Amino acid sequence: MLLAVAALVATIVTLVAVNASGDSSDAWQSALRADVARGVGAVEDIRYVYEVEAPAAFGIASMEIQAEEYRRAASSASPVARAAL
């Protein structure tokens, strides 16, 4: 009789452990999927910045630097050269 009760308790403990393990596995898989989705979002944000926004920003920055260099060259040039710049 005592052996049967011990076997029943062991079976119940095993079932509870298996159920908890399954829940943990589901939670882990859900967390992993969420982490992958965050990573995909981050990669898409980075791609958008470097492929769409950065070229225009770099072009504007380049033009601003060129304009400043032309102004600097014009301020020290002769009147004829200044008119051409």
N, C-alpha and C. Protein backbone atom coordinates (compact mmCIF):
# COMPACT_ATOMS: atom_id res chain seq x y z
N MET A 1 0.82 -1.18 0.00
CA MET A 1 0.00 0.00 0.00
C MET A 1 0.87 1.26 0.00
N LEU A 2 1.91 1.28 0.85
CA LEU A 2 2.80 2.43 0.93
C LEU A 2 3.53 2.63 -0.40
N LEU A 3 3.90 1.56 -1.04
CA LEU A 3 4.58 1.63 -2.33
C LEU A 3 3.65 2.22 -3.40
N ALA A 4 2.40 1.88 -3.37
CA ALA A 4 1.43 2.41 -4.32
C ALA A 4 1.23 3.90 -4.11
N VAL A 5 1.18 4.36 -2.87
CA VAL A 5 1.03 5.78 -2.57
C VAL A 5 2.27 6.54 -3.03
N ALA A 6 3.45 5.98 -2.80
CA ALA A 6 4.70 6.62 -3.24
C ALA A 6 4.74 6.72 -4.76
N ALA A 7 4.27 5.68 -5.44
CA ALA A 7 4.25 5.69 -6.91
C ALA A 7 3.26 6.75 -7.41
N LEU A 8 2.12 6.86 -6.73
CA LEU A 8 1.13 7.86 -7.11
C LEU A 8 1.67 9.28 -6.91
N VAL A 9 2.34 9.53 -5.79
CA VAL A 9 2.94 10.84 -5.51
C VAL A 9 4.02 11.14 -6.54
N ALA A 10 4.85 10.16 -6.88
CA ALA A 10 5.90 10.35 -7.87
C ALA A 10 5.30 10.69 -9.24
N THR A 11 4.19 10.02 -9.57
CA THR A 11 3.52 10.29 -10.84
C THR A 11 2.97 11.71 -10.87
N ILE A 12 2.36 12.15 -9.79
CA ILE A 12 1.82 13.50 -9.72
C ILE A 12 2.93 14.54 -9.82
N VAL A 13 4.02 14.32 -9.09
CA VAL A 13 5.16 15.24 -9.14
C VAL A 13 5.72 15.30 -10.56
N THR A 14 5.81 14.16 -11.22
CA THR A 14 6.32 14.12 -12.60
C THR A 14 5.40 14.89 -13.54
N LEU A 15 4.09 14.70 -13.41
CA LEU A 15 3.14 15.41 -14.27
C LEU A 15 3.21 16.92 -14.06
N VAL A 16 3.33 17.35 -12.80
CA VAL A 16 3.45 18.77 -12.51
C VAL A 16 4.75 19.33 -13.11
N ALA A 17 5.83 18.58 -12.99
CA ALA A 17 7.12 19.02 -13.53
C ALA A 17 7.07 19.11 -15.05
N VAL A 18 6.46 18.13 -15.68
CA VAL A 18 6.36 18.14 -17.15
C VAL A 18 5.50 19.32 -17.60
N ASN A 19 4.41 19.58 -16.92
CA ASN A 19 3.54 20.69 -17.27
C ASN A 19 4.28 22.02 -17.09
N ALA A 20 5.00 22.17 -15.98
CA ALA A 20 5.76 23.40 -15.74
C ALA A 20 6.86 23.55 -16.79
N SER A 21 7.48 22.45 -17.17
CA SER A 21 8.51 22.50 -18.20
C SER A 21 7.93 22.94 -19.53
N GLY A 22 6.76 22.43 -19.87
CA GLY A 22 6.10 22.83 -21.11
C GLY A 22 5.75 24.31 -21.10
N ASP A 23 5.26 24.81 -19.96
CA ASP A 23 4.95 26.23 -19.85
C ASP A 23 6.20 27.08 -19.99
N SER A 24 7.28 26.60 -19.38
CA SER A 24 8.55 27.33 -19.47
C SER A 24 9.06 27.35 -20.90
N SER A 25 8.92 26.22 -21.58
CA SER A 25 9.36 26.15 -22.97
C SER A 25 8.54 27.11 -23.83
N ASP A 26 7.23 27.15 -23.61
CA ASP A 26 6.39 28.08 -24.36
C ASP A 26 6.79 29.53 -24.10
N ALA A 27 7.04 29.84 -22.84
CA ALA A 27 7.44 31.21 -22.49
C ALA A 27 8.78 31.55 -23.12
N TRP A 28 9.70 30.59 -23.11
CA TRP A 28 11.01 30.82 -23.71
C TRP A 28 10.88 31.04 -25.22
N GLN A 29 10.07 30.22 -25.88
CA GLN A 29 9.89 30.37 -27.32
C GLN A 29 9.21 31.71 -27.65
N SER A 30 8.27 32.11 -26.83
CA SER A 30 7.60 33.39 -27.04
C SER A 30 8.58 34.54 -26.87
N ALA A 31 9.41 34.46 -25.83
CA ALA A 31 10.42 35.50 -25.61
C ALA A 31 11.42 35.53 -26.76
N LEU A 32 11.79 34.37 -27.25
CA LEU A 32 12.73 34.29 -28.37
C LEU A 32 12.13 34.92 -29.63
N ARG A 33 10.86 34.62 -29.89
CA ARG A 33 10.20 35.22 -31.05
C ARG A 33 10.13 36.74 -30.92
N ALA A 34 9.84 37.22 -29.72
CA ALA A 34 9.79 38.67 -29.50
C ALA A 34 11.16 39.30 -29.71
N ASP A 35 12.21 38.62 -29.24
CA ASP A 35 13.57 39.13 -29.40
C ASP A 35 13.97 39.17 -30.88
N VAL A 36 13.60 38.14 -31.62
CA VAL A 36 13.89 38.11 -33.05
C VAL A 36 13.15 39.24 -33.76
N ALA A 37 11.90 39.46 -33.38
CA ALA A 37 11.12 40.54 -34.00
C ALA A 37 11.75 41.90 -33.71
N ARG A 38 12.25 42.10 -32.48
CA ARG A 38 12.94 43.35 -32.16
C ARG A 38 14.19 43.51 -33.00
N GLY A 39 14.93 42.43 -33.16
CA GLY A 39 16.14 42.47 -33.98
C GLY A 39 15.84 42.81 -35.42
N VAL A 40 14.78 42.22 -35.97
CA VAL A 40 14.39 42.51 -37.35
C VAL A 40 14.00 43.98 -37.47
N GLY A 41 13.29 44.50 -36.49
CA GLY A 41 12.91 45.91 -36.51
C GLY A 41 14.12 46.82 -36.47
N ALA A 42 15.09 46.47 -35.65
CA ALA A 42 16.31 47.28 -35.55
C ALA A 42 17.07 47.27 -36.88
N VAL A 43 17.19 46.11 -37.49
CA VAL A 43 17.89 46.01 -38.78
C VAL A 43 17.16 46.84 -39.84
N GLU A 44 15.84 46.79 -39.84
CA GLU A 44 15.07 47.57 -40.82
C GLU A 44 15.25 49.07 -40.58
N ASP A 45 15.27 49.50 -39.33
CA ASP A 45 15.51 50.91 -39.03
C ASP A 45 16.88 51.36 -39.52
N ILE A 46 17.88 50.54 -39.27
CA ILE A 46 19.25 50.88 -39.69
C ILE A 46 19.34 50.92 -41.21
N ARG A 47 18.72 49.94 -41.87
CA ARG A 47 18.72 49.92 -43.33
C ARG A 47 18.05 51.17 -43.89
N TYR A 48 16.95 51.58 -43.33
CA TYR A 48 16.23 52.76 -43.80
C TYR A 48 17.09 54.00 -43.65
N VAL A 49 17.73 54.14 -42.51
CA VAL A 49 18.57 55.32 -42.28
C VAL A 49 19.71 55.39 -43.30
N TYR A 50 20.41 54.28 -43.48
CA TYR A 50 21.58 54.32 -44.35
C TYR A 50 21.24 54.29 -45.84
N GLU A 51 20.11 53.71 -46.22
CA GLU A 51 19.77 53.64 -47.64
C GLU A 51 18.88 54.79 -48.10
N VAL A 52 18.09 55.37 -47.19
CA VAL A 52 17.13 56.39 -47.61
C VAL A 52 17.53 57.77 -47.09
N GLU A 53 17.76 57.90 -45.81
CA GLU A 53 17.99 59.22 -45.22
C GLU A 53 19.44 59.69 -45.31
N ALA A 54 20.38 58.79 -45.13
CA ALA A 54 21.79 59.20 -45.09
C ALA A 54 22.29 59.82 -46.39
N PRO A 55 21.98 59.26 -47.56
CA PRO A 55 22.50 59.89 -48.79
C PRO A 55 22.08 61.35 -48.92
N ALA A 56 20.84 61.66 -48.61
CA ALA A 56 20.39 63.05 -48.70
C ALA A 56 21.10 63.91 -47.66
N ALA A 57 21.24 63.41 -46.45
CA ALA A 57 21.91 64.18 -45.40
C ALA A 57 23.38 64.41 -45.75
N PHE A 58 24.04 63.39 -46.28
CA PHE A 58 25.45 63.56 -46.66
C PHE A 58 25.58 64.55 -47.81
N GLY A 59 24.63 64.52 -48.75
CA GLY A 59 24.66 65.47 -49.86
C GLY A 59 24.50 66.91 -49.37
N ILE A 60 23.58 67.12 -48.45
CA ILE A 60 23.37 68.46 -47.89
C ILE A 60 24.61 68.92 -47.13
N ALA A 61 25.18 68.04 -46.33
CA ALA A 61 26.39 68.40 -45.57
C ALA A 61 27.53 68.75 -46.52
N SER A 62 27.67 67.99 -47.60
CA SER A 62 28.72 68.27 -48.57
C SER A 62 28.52 69.63 -49.23
N MET A 63 27.28 69.94 -49.59
CA MET A 63 26.99 71.24 -50.21
C MET A 63 27.25 72.39 -49.23
N GLU A 64 26.92 72.20 -47.97
CA GLU A 64 27.18 73.25 -46.97
C GLU A 64 28.68 73.49 -46.81
N ILE A 65 29.47 72.44 -46.81
CA ILE A 65 30.92 72.58 -46.69
C ILE A 65 31.48 73.28 -47.93
N GLN A 66 31.00 72.89 -49.11
CA GLN A 66 31.46 73.55 -50.34
C GLN A 66 31.09 75.03 -50.34
N ALA A 67 29.89 75.36 -49.90
CA ALA A 67 29.48 76.77 -49.86
C ALA A 67 30.37 77.56 -48.92
N GLU A 68 30.70 76.99 -47.78
CA GLU A 68 31.57 77.68 -46.82
C GLU A 68 32.97 77.87 -47.42
N GLU A 69 33.47 76.87 -48.11
CA GLU A 69 34.79 76.99 -48.75
C GLU A 69 34.76 78.05 -49.85
N TYR A 70 33.69 78.10 -50.64
CA TYR A 70 33.57 79.15 -51.67
C TYR A 70 33.52 80.54 -51.04
N ARG A 71 32.76 80.68 -49.94
CA ARG A 71 32.70 81.98 -49.26
C ARG A 71 34.08 82.38 -48.74
N ARG A 72 34.80 81.43 -48.18
CA ARG A 72 36.13 81.70 -47.65
C ARG A 72 37.07 82.10 -48.79
N ALA A 73 37.00 81.38 -49.91
CA ALA A 73 37.86 81.71 -51.06
C ALA A 73 37.49 83.07 -51.64
N ALA A 74 36.20 83.37 -51.68
CA ALA A 74 35.76 84.65 -52.25
C ALA A 74 36.18 85.83 -51.38
N SER A 75 36.21 85.63 -50.07
CA SER A 75 36.57 86.75 -49.20
C SER A 75 38.04 87.17 -49.34
N SER A 76 38.89 86.27 -49.77
CA SER A 76 40.30 86.62 -49.91
C SER A 76 40.73 86.77 -51.38
N ALA A 77 39.78 86.67 -52.29
CA ALA A 77 40.11 86.76 -53.72
C ALA A 77 40.03 88.20 -54.20
N SER A 78 40.59 88.43 -55.40
CA SER A 78 40.50 89.76 -56.02
C SER A 78 39.06 90.03 -56.42
N PRO A 79 38.71 91.29 -56.64
CA PRO A 79 37.31 91.62 -57.01
C PRO A 79 36.83 90.87 -58.26
N VAL A 80 37.68 90.68 -59.24
CA VAL A 80 37.28 89.97 -60.46
C VAL A 80 37.00 88.51 -60.14
N ALA A 81 37.88 87.88 -59.39
CA ALA A 81 37.70 86.48 -59.01
C ALA A 81 36.50 86.33 -58.08
N ARG A 82 36.31 87.30 -57.19
CA ARG A 82 35.18 87.26 -56.25
C ARG A 82 33.86 87.25 -57.00
N ALA A 83 33.78 88.02 -58.09
CA ALA A 83 32.55 88.05 -58.88
C ALA A 83 32.29 86.70 -59.55
N ALA A 84 33.35 86.02 -59.93
CA ALA A 84 33.20 84.71 -60.58
C ALA A 84 32.80 83.64 -59.58
N LEU A 85 33.25 83.81 -58.34
CA LEU A 85 32.91 82.81 -57.33
C LEU A 85 31.52 83.07 -56.80
